[in-house]
Amino acid sequence: MERLFSNEFSFTGSGIEYTPPGWVRMGNVWHPLGFKVVTEDNISLGLRKNPTRLHFPVGEWVKMKRSELILSKKDAGGIWSALNRGGANTLRQYMRNEKGVPARVYLAAIYNPIYANSYRVKSQGVMLLEELG
């Protein structure tokens, strides 16, 4: 896997444009990077009353079906990731301090981003690449 960390290249597609913290090449495809916060068991956090609890094995794509996606800022209908390490660390601290749940932060490849704002991205899929300390 080749990685490129640069804020010079934006993602454009699915009606959105944003600048990820970097890119990773898998085969012939470049995927934007992000930061995924999960429980100690690599389960989604289930914040904002999100009933979907996904398991994220390291090195494997976890993807939602296209029919499950909601192409908006609504919390449901996609997999959320932080756009910067600071945001991911803040979320990890929130989980520990406010919810009493230890959490982990991973560098993650993003599959089919469908919504982004200044601090997070919603996508169809995520692959955890490596845990960050």
N, C-alpha and C. Protein backbone atom coordinates (compact mmCIF):
# COMPACT_ATOMS: atom_id res chain seq x y z
N MET A 1 0.83 -1.18 0.00
CA MET A 1 0.00 0.00 0.00
C MET A 1 0.88 1.24 0.00
N GLU A 2 0.63 2.09 -0.92
CA GLU A 2 1.34 3.36 -0.99
C GLU A 2 0.47 4.43 -0.35
N ARG A 3 1.08 5.30 0.46
CA ARG A 3 0.33 6.37 1.12
C ARG A 3 0.90 7.72 0.72
N LEU A 4 0.02 8.68 0.62
CA LEU A 4 0.39 10.05 0.31
C LEU A 4 -0.31 10.94 1.31
N PHE A 5 0.47 11.64 2.13
CA PHE A 5 -0.10 12.58 3.09
C PHE A 5 0.09 13.98 2.55
N SER A 6 -0.99 14.59 2.14
CA SER A 6 -0.94 15.92 1.55
C SER A 6 -2.32 16.54 1.62
N ASN A 7 -2.39 17.82 1.90
CA ASN A 7 -3.68 18.51 1.88
C ASN A 7 -3.85 19.30 0.59
N GLU A 8 -3.12 18.89 -0.43
CA GLU A 8 -3.19 19.59 -1.73
C GLU A 8 -4.20 18.96 -2.68
N PHE A 9 -4.66 17.75 -2.37
CA PHE A 9 -5.53 17.04 -3.30
C PHE A 9 -6.89 16.83 -2.68
N SER A 10 -7.92 17.37 -3.30
CA SER A 10 -9.27 17.22 -2.75
C SER A 10 -9.99 16.04 -3.39
N PHE A 11 -10.98 15.54 -2.68
CA PHE A 11 -11.86 14.51 -3.21
C PHE A 11 -13.06 15.21 -3.82
N THR A 12 -13.41 14.82 -5.02
CA THR A 12 -14.60 15.35 -5.68
C THR A 12 -15.40 14.17 -6.21
N GLY A 13 -16.66 14.09 -5.84
CA GLY A 13 -17.51 13.01 -6.31
C GLY A 13 -18.75 12.92 -5.46
N SER A 14 -19.73 12.21 -5.93
CA SER A 14 -20.99 12.01 -5.21
C SER A 14 -21.61 13.33 -4.75
N GLY A 15 -21.35 14.39 -5.51
CA GLY A 15 -21.94 15.68 -5.18
C GLY A 15 -21.25 16.40 -4.03
N ILE A 16 -20.07 15.95 -3.63
CA ILE A 16 -19.34 16.61 -2.54
C ILE A 16 -17.91 16.90 -2.98
N GLU A 17 -17.28 17.81 -2.26
CA GLU A 17 -15.86 18.09 -2.42
C GLU A 17 -15.30 18.42 -1.06
N TYR A 18 -14.21 17.76 -0.70
CA TYR A 18 -13.53 18.04 0.57
C TYR A 18 -12.07 17.63 0.43
N THR A 19 -11.25 18.07 1.37
CA THR A 19 -9.83 17.73 1.34
C THR A 19 -9.53 16.76 2.48
N PRO A 20 -9.23 15.51 2.14
CA PRO A 20 -8.86 14.53 3.17
C PRO A 20 -7.44 14.78 3.66
N PRO A 21 -7.05 14.18 4.78
CA PRO A 21 -5.70 14.37 5.29
C PRO A 21 -4.63 13.65 4.48
N GLY A 22 -5.05 12.79 3.57
CA GLY A 22 -4.12 12.05 2.73
C GLY A 22 -4.84 11.02 1.91
N TRP A 23 -4.04 10.19 1.23
CA TRP A 23 -4.58 9.18 0.32
C TRP A 23 -3.81 7.89 0.49
N VAL A 24 -4.45 6.77 0.18
CA VAL A 24 -3.79 5.47 0.18
C VAL A 24 -4.16 4.76 -1.12
N ARG A 25 -3.14 4.14 -1.75
CA ARG A 25 -3.41 3.42 -2.99
C ARG A 25 -3.49 1.93 -2.68
N MET A 26 -4.61 1.33 -3.11
CA MET A 26 -4.83 -0.10 -2.99
C MET A 26 -5.07 -0.63 -4.39
N GLY A 27 -4.12 -1.39 -4.90
CA GLY A 27 -4.19 -1.80 -6.29
C GLY A 27 -4.01 -0.57 -7.15
N ASN A 28 -4.96 -0.33 -8.04
CA ASN A 28 -4.90 0.83 -8.92
C ASN A 28 -5.80 1.98 -8.47
N VAL A 29 -6.37 1.86 -7.28
CA VAL A 29 -7.35 2.86 -6.81
C VAL A 29 -6.79 3.62 -5.61
N TRP A 30 -6.88 4.94 -5.68
CA TRP A 30 -6.53 5.81 -4.55
C TRP A 30 -7.78 6.08 -3.73
N HIS A 31 -7.69 5.87 -2.42
CA HIS A 31 -8.80 6.13 -1.51
C HIS A 31 -8.39 7.25 -0.55
N PRO A 32 -9.32 8.17 -0.22
CA PRO A 32 -9.01 9.18 0.78
C PRO A 32 -8.83 8.54 2.16
N LEU A 33 -8.03 9.19 2.99
CA LEU A 33 -7.81 8.73 4.35
C LEU A 33 -8.68 9.51 5.33
N GLY A 34 -8.89 8.93 6.48
CA GLY A 34 -9.59 9.57 7.58
C GLY A 34 -9.16 8.89 8.86
N PHE A 35 -9.83 9.22 9.96
CA PHE A 35 -9.51 8.65 11.26
C PHE A 35 -10.79 8.08 11.86
N LYS A 36 -10.79 6.80 12.15
CA LYS A 36 -11.97 6.12 12.67
C LYS A 36 -11.78 5.84 14.15
N VAL A 37 -12.77 6.23 14.95
CA VAL A 37 -12.78 5.97 16.38
C VAL A 37 -13.77 4.85 16.65
N VAL A 38 -13.32 3.81 17.35
CA VAL A 38 -14.13 2.64 17.64
C VAL A 38 -13.90 2.23 19.09
N THR A 39 -14.72 1.31 19.59
CA THR A 39 -14.54 0.79 20.94
C THR A 39 -13.28 -0.08 20.98
N GLU A 40 -12.93 -0.57 22.16
CA GLU A 40 -11.76 -1.45 22.29
C GLU A 40 -11.91 -2.73 21.47
N ASP A 41 -13.16 -3.14 21.20
CA ASP A 41 -13.44 -4.34 20.41
C ASP A 41 -13.64 -4.02 18.93
N ASN A 42 -13.28 -2.80 18.52
CA ASN A 42 -13.42 -2.34 17.13
C ASN A 42 -14.87 -2.33 16.65
N ILE A 43 -15.77 -1.93 17.56
CA ILE A 43 -17.19 -1.78 17.24
C ILE A 43 -17.49 -0.28 17.13
N SER A 44 -18.39 0.08 16.22
CA SER A 44 -18.78 1.48 16.08
C SER A 44 -19.32 2.01 17.41
N LEU A 45 -19.20 3.31 17.62
CA LEU A 45 -19.53 3.92 18.90
C LEU A 45 -21.03 4.02 19.17
N GLY A 46 -21.84 4.07 18.14
CA GLY A 46 -23.29 4.16 18.34
C GLY A 46 -23.74 5.49 18.91
N LEU A 47 -23.04 6.56 18.57
CA LEU A 47 -23.40 7.89 19.07
C LEU A 47 -24.64 8.43 18.37
N ARG A 48 -25.23 9.44 18.98
CA ARG A 48 -26.41 10.13 18.45
C ARG A 48 -27.55 9.16 18.16
N LYS A 49 -27.72 8.21 19.06
CA LYS A 49 -28.81 7.23 18.99
C LYS A 49 -28.77 6.40 17.71
N ASN A 50 -27.59 6.24 17.15
CA ASN A 50 -27.44 5.43 15.94
C ASN A 50 -27.56 3.95 16.32
N PRO A 51 -28.57 3.26 15.81
CA PRO A 51 -28.77 1.86 16.19
C PRO A 51 -27.81 0.89 15.50
N THR A 52 -27.17 1.33 14.44
CA THR A 52 -26.27 0.46 13.69
C THR A 52 -24.96 0.31 14.46
N ARG A 53 -24.61 -0.92 14.80
CA ARG A 53 -23.34 -1.20 15.48
C ARG A 53 -22.54 -2.13 14.57
N LEU A 54 -21.52 -1.60 13.94
CA LEU A 54 -20.71 -2.36 13.00
C LEU A 54 -19.39 -2.78 13.63
N HIS A 55 -18.89 -3.94 13.24
CA HIS A 55 -17.57 -4.41 13.66
C HIS A 55 -16.58 -4.10 12.54
N PHE A 56 -15.41 -3.57 12.91
CA PHE A 56 -14.40 -3.15 11.94
C PHE A 56 -13.13 -3.97 12.12
N PRO A 57 -13.00 -5.11 11.41
CA PRO A 57 -11.73 -5.86 11.47
C PRO A 57 -10.63 -5.06 10.76
N VAL A 58 -9.45 -5.03 11.32
CA VAL A 58 -8.33 -4.30 10.72
C VAL A 58 -7.98 -4.95 9.38
N GLY A 59 -7.82 -4.10 8.35
CA GLY A 59 -7.40 -4.58 7.04
C GLY A 59 -8.50 -5.13 6.16
N GLU A 60 -9.76 -4.97 6.57
CA GLU A 60 -10.90 -5.46 5.78
C GLU A 60 -11.89 -4.32 5.56
N TRP A 61 -12.44 -4.26 4.35
CA TRP A 61 -13.48 -3.26 4.07
C TRP A 61 -14.75 -3.62 4.82
N VAL A 62 -15.35 -2.63 5.43
CA VAL A 62 -16.69 -2.74 6.01
C VAL A 62 -17.52 -1.74 5.21
N LYS A 63 -18.49 -2.26 4.46
CA LYS A 63 -19.28 -1.41 3.57
C LYS A 63 -20.76 -1.60 3.83
N MET A 64 -21.48 -0.49 3.72
CA MET A 64 -22.94 -0.54 3.77
C MET A 64 -23.45 -0.74 2.35
N LYS A 65 -24.65 -1.28 2.24
CA LYS A 65 -25.28 -1.41 0.92
C LYS A 65 -25.67 -0.02 0.43
N ARG A 66 -25.62 0.17 -0.87
CA ARG A 66 -26.02 1.48 -1.44
C ARG A 66 -27.44 1.86 -1.03
N SER A 67 -28.31 0.87 -0.91
CA SER A 67 -29.71 1.14 -0.55
C SER A 67 -29.84 1.65 0.89
N GLU A 68 -28.81 1.46 1.72
CA GLU A 68 -28.84 1.91 3.11
C GLU A 68 -28.32 3.33 3.29
N LEU A 69 -27.70 3.89 2.26
CA LEU A 69 -27.08 5.20 2.36
C LEU A 69 -28.10 6.33 2.33
N ILE A 70 -27.82 7.36 3.10
CA ILE A 70 -28.62 8.59 3.07
C ILE A 70 -27.66 9.71 2.71
N LEU A 71 -27.84 10.28 1.52
CA LEU A 71 -26.90 11.27 0.98
C LEU A 71 -27.15 12.65 1.56
N SER A 72 -26.97 12.78 2.88
CA SER A 72 -27.15 14.06 3.55
C SER A 72 -26.35 14.05 4.84
N LYS A 73 -26.44 15.15 5.58
CA LYS A 73 -25.72 15.25 6.85
C LYS A 73 -26.41 14.50 7.98
N LYS A 74 -27.54 13.88 7.69
CA LYS A 74 -28.23 13.08 8.70
C LYS A 74 -27.28 12.03 9.26
N ASP A 75 -27.33 11.79 10.56
CA ASP A 75 -26.38 10.87 11.20
C ASP A 75 -26.49 9.44 10.68
N ALA A 76 -27.69 8.98 10.42
CA ALA A 76 -27.88 7.61 9.92
C ALA A 76 -27.53 7.55 8.44
N GLY A 77 -27.38 6.34 7.93
CA GLY A 77 -27.21 6.16 6.50
C GLY A 77 -25.79 6.30 5.99
N GLY A 78 -24.80 5.99 6.82
CA GLY A 78 -23.41 6.03 6.40
C GLY A 78 -22.49 5.77 7.58
N ILE A 79 -21.21 5.68 7.28
CA ILE A 79 -20.19 5.43 8.29
C ILE A 79 -19.37 6.71 8.44
N TRP A 80 -19.32 7.24 9.65
CA TRP A 80 -18.65 8.50 9.92
C TRP A 80 -17.20 8.29 10.35
N SER A 81 -16.33 9.17 9.89
CA SER A 81 -14.92 9.19 10.29
C SER A 81 -14.50 10.63 10.49
N ALA A 82 -13.50 10.84 11.34
CA ALA A 82 -12.95 12.18 11.57
C ALA A 82 -12.00 12.53 10.43
N LEU A 83 -11.92 13.82 10.12
CA LEU A 83 -11.02 14.28 9.06
C LEU A 83 -9.64 14.65 9.56
N ASN A 84 -9.48 14.78 10.88
CA ASN A 84 -8.14 15.06 11.39
C ASN A 84 -7.91 14.32 12.69
N ARG A 85 -6.65 14.15 13.01
CA ARG A 85 -6.27 13.37 14.20
C ARG A 85 -6.77 14.05 15.47
N GLY A 86 -6.74 15.36 15.52
CA GLY A 86 -7.20 16.08 16.71
C GLY A 86 -8.67 15.81 16.98
N GLY A 87 -9.49 15.81 15.94
CA GLY A 87 -10.91 15.53 16.10
C GLY A 87 -11.15 14.11 16.59
N ALA A 88 -10.37 13.17 16.08
CA ALA A 88 -10.48 11.77 16.51
C ALA A 88 -10.07 11.64 17.98
N ASN A 89 -8.99 12.31 18.37
CA ASN A 89 -8.54 12.25 19.77
C ASN A 89 -9.56 12.88 20.71
N THR A 90 -10.19 13.97 20.29
CA THR A 90 -11.24 14.60 21.09
C THR A 90 -12.40 13.65 21.29
N LEU A 91 -12.80 12.94 20.24
CA LEU A 91 -13.89 11.98 20.34
C LEU A 91 -13.50 10.82 21.26
N ARG A 92 -12.26 10.36 21.17
CA ARG A 92 -11.80 9.28 22.05
C ARG A 92 -11.86 9.73 23.51
N GLN A 93 -11.43 10.95 23.79
CA GLN A 93 -11.48 11.48 25.16
C GLN A 93 -12.92 11.62 25.64
N TYR A 94 -13.82 12.09 24.77
CA TYR A 94 -15.23 12.20 25.12
C TYR A 94 -15.80 10.84 25.52
N MET A 95 -15.49 9.83 24.73
CA MET A 95 -15.99 8.49 25.03
C MET A 95 -15.49 8.01 26.38
N ARG A 96 -14.23 8.24 26.67
CA ARG A 96 -13.64 7.80 27.93
C ARG A 96 -14.19 8.61 29.11
N ASN A 97 -14.20 9.93 28.99
CA ASN A 97 -14.55 10.80 30.11
C ASN A 97 -16.05 10.94 30.35
N GLU A 98 -16.84 11.01 29.29
CA GLU A 98 -18.28 11.25 29.42
C GLU A 98 -19.11 9.98 29.38
N LYS A 99 -18.67 9.00 28.63
CA LYS A 99 -19.45 7.77 28.46
C LYS A 99 -18.84 6.58 29.22
N GLY A 100 -17.59 6.73 29.70
CA GLY A 100 -16.93 5.64 30.41
C GLY A 100 -16.56 4.47 29.50
N VAL A 101 -16.37 4.76 28.22
CA VAL A 101 -16.06 3.72 27.23
C VAL A 101 -14.68 3.98 26.64
N PRO A 102 -13.71 3.08 26.89
CA PRO A 102 -12.41 3.25 26.25
C PRO A 102 -12.55 3.10 24.74
N ALA A 103 -11.82 3.91 24.00
CA ALA A 103 -11.92 3.88 22.54
C ALA A 103 -10.54 3.89 21.92
N ARG A 104 -10.49 3.47 20.66
CA ARG A 104 -9.26 3.41 19.89
C ARG A 104 -9.39 4.30 18.66
N VAL A 105 -8.26 4.80 18.16
CA VAL A 105 -8.23 5.61 16.95
C VAL A 105 -7.38 4.90 15.91
N TYR A 106 -7.92 4.80 14.71
CA TYR A 106 -7.22 4.17 13.58
C TYR A 106 -7.11 5.13 12.41
N LEU A 107 -6.02 5.04 11.69
CA LEU A 107 -5.94 5.61 10.36
C LEU A 107 -6.78 4.69 9.48
N ALA A 108 -7.64 5.26 8.64
CA ALA A 108 -8.58 4.45 7.88
C ALA A 108 -8.68 4.92 6.43
N ALA A 109 -8.86 3.96 5.54
CA ALA A 109 -9.18 4.26 4.14
C ALA A 109 -10.69 4.44 4.04
N ILE A 110 -11.12 5.38 3.23
CA ILE A 110 -12.53 5.72 3.08
C ILE A 110 -13.00 5.26 1.69
N TYR A 111 -14.15 4.57 1.66
CA TYR A 111 -14.73 4.09 0.41
C TYR A 111 -16.01 4.88 0.12
N ASN A 112 -16.06 5.50 -1.02
CA ASN A 112 -17.24 6.22 -1.51
C ASN A 112 -17.75 7.27 -0.51
N PRO A 113 -17.00 8.36 -0.28
CA PRO A 113 -17.51 9.44 0.57
C PRO A 113 -18.79 10.02 -0.01
N ILE A 114 -19.77 10.28 0.87
CA ILE A 114 -21.06 10.80 0.39
C ILE A 114 -21.44 12.14 1.01
N TYR A 115 -20.75 12.52 2.11
CA TYR A 115 -21.00 13.81 2.74
C TYR A 115 -19.77 14.18 3.56
N ALA A 116 -19.42 15.45 3.59
CA ALA A 116 -18.30 15.90 4.42
C ALA A 116 -18.57 17.32 4.90
N ASN A 117 -18.07 17.60 6.09
CA ASN A 117 -18.07 18.97 6.59
C ASN A 117 -16.64 19.29 7.03
N SER A 118 -16.46 20.27 7.87
CA SER A 118 -15.09 20.69 8.21
C SER A 118 -14.37 19.73 9.14
N TYR A 119 -15.07 18.78 9.77
CA TYR A 119 -14.39 17.93 10.73
C TYR A 119 -14.68 16.43 10.59
N ARG A 120 -15.63 16.04 9.75
CA ARG A 120 -15.88 14.62 9.58
C ARG A 120 -16.42 14.31 8.20
N VAL A 121 -16.34 13.02 7.84
CA VAL A 121 -16.80 12.57 6.53
C VAL A 121 -17.70 11.35 6.73
N LYS A 122 -18.75 11.29 5.95
CA LYS A 122 -19.69 10.17 5.96
C LYS A 122 -19.47 9.39 4.67
N SER A 123 -19.36 8.06 4.77
CA SER A 123 -19.04 7.27 3.59
C SER A 123 -19.81 5.96 3.58
N GLN A 124 -19.66 5.26 2.47
CA GLN A 124 -20.28 3.94 2.33
C GLN A 124 -19.44 2.87 3.04
N GLY A 125 -18.13 3.09 3.13
CA GLY A 125 -17.29 2.07 3.73
C GLY A 125 -16.00 2.61 4.30
N VAL A 126 -15.39 1.78 5.16
CA VAL A 126 -14.14 2.13 5.85
C VAL A 126 -13.29 0.87 5.99
N MET A 127 -11.98 1.05 5.86
CA MET A 127 -11.04 -0.03 6.20
C MET A 127 -10.04 0.53 7.21
N LEU A 128 -9.98 -0.09 8.39
CA LEU A 128 -8.99 0.30 9.39
C LEU A 128 -7.61 -0.15 8.91
N LEU A 129 -6.65 0.78 8.90
CA LEU A 129 -5.32 0.47 8.41
C LEU A 129 -4.32 0.21 9.54
N GLU A 130 -4.23 1.15 10.48
CA GLU A 130 -3.32 0.97 11.60
C GLU A 130 -3.79 1.80 12.79
N GLU A 131 -3.61 1.23 13.97
CA GLU A 131 -3.99 1.94 15.18
C GLU A 131 -2.96 3.03 15.49
N LEU A 132 -3.47 4.17 15.92
CA LEU A 132 -2.61 5.29 16.27
C LEU A 132 -2.62 5.43 17.79
N GLY A 133 -1.47 5.69 18.37
CA GLY A 133 -1.32 5.75 19.83
C GLY A 133 -2.00 6.89 20.50
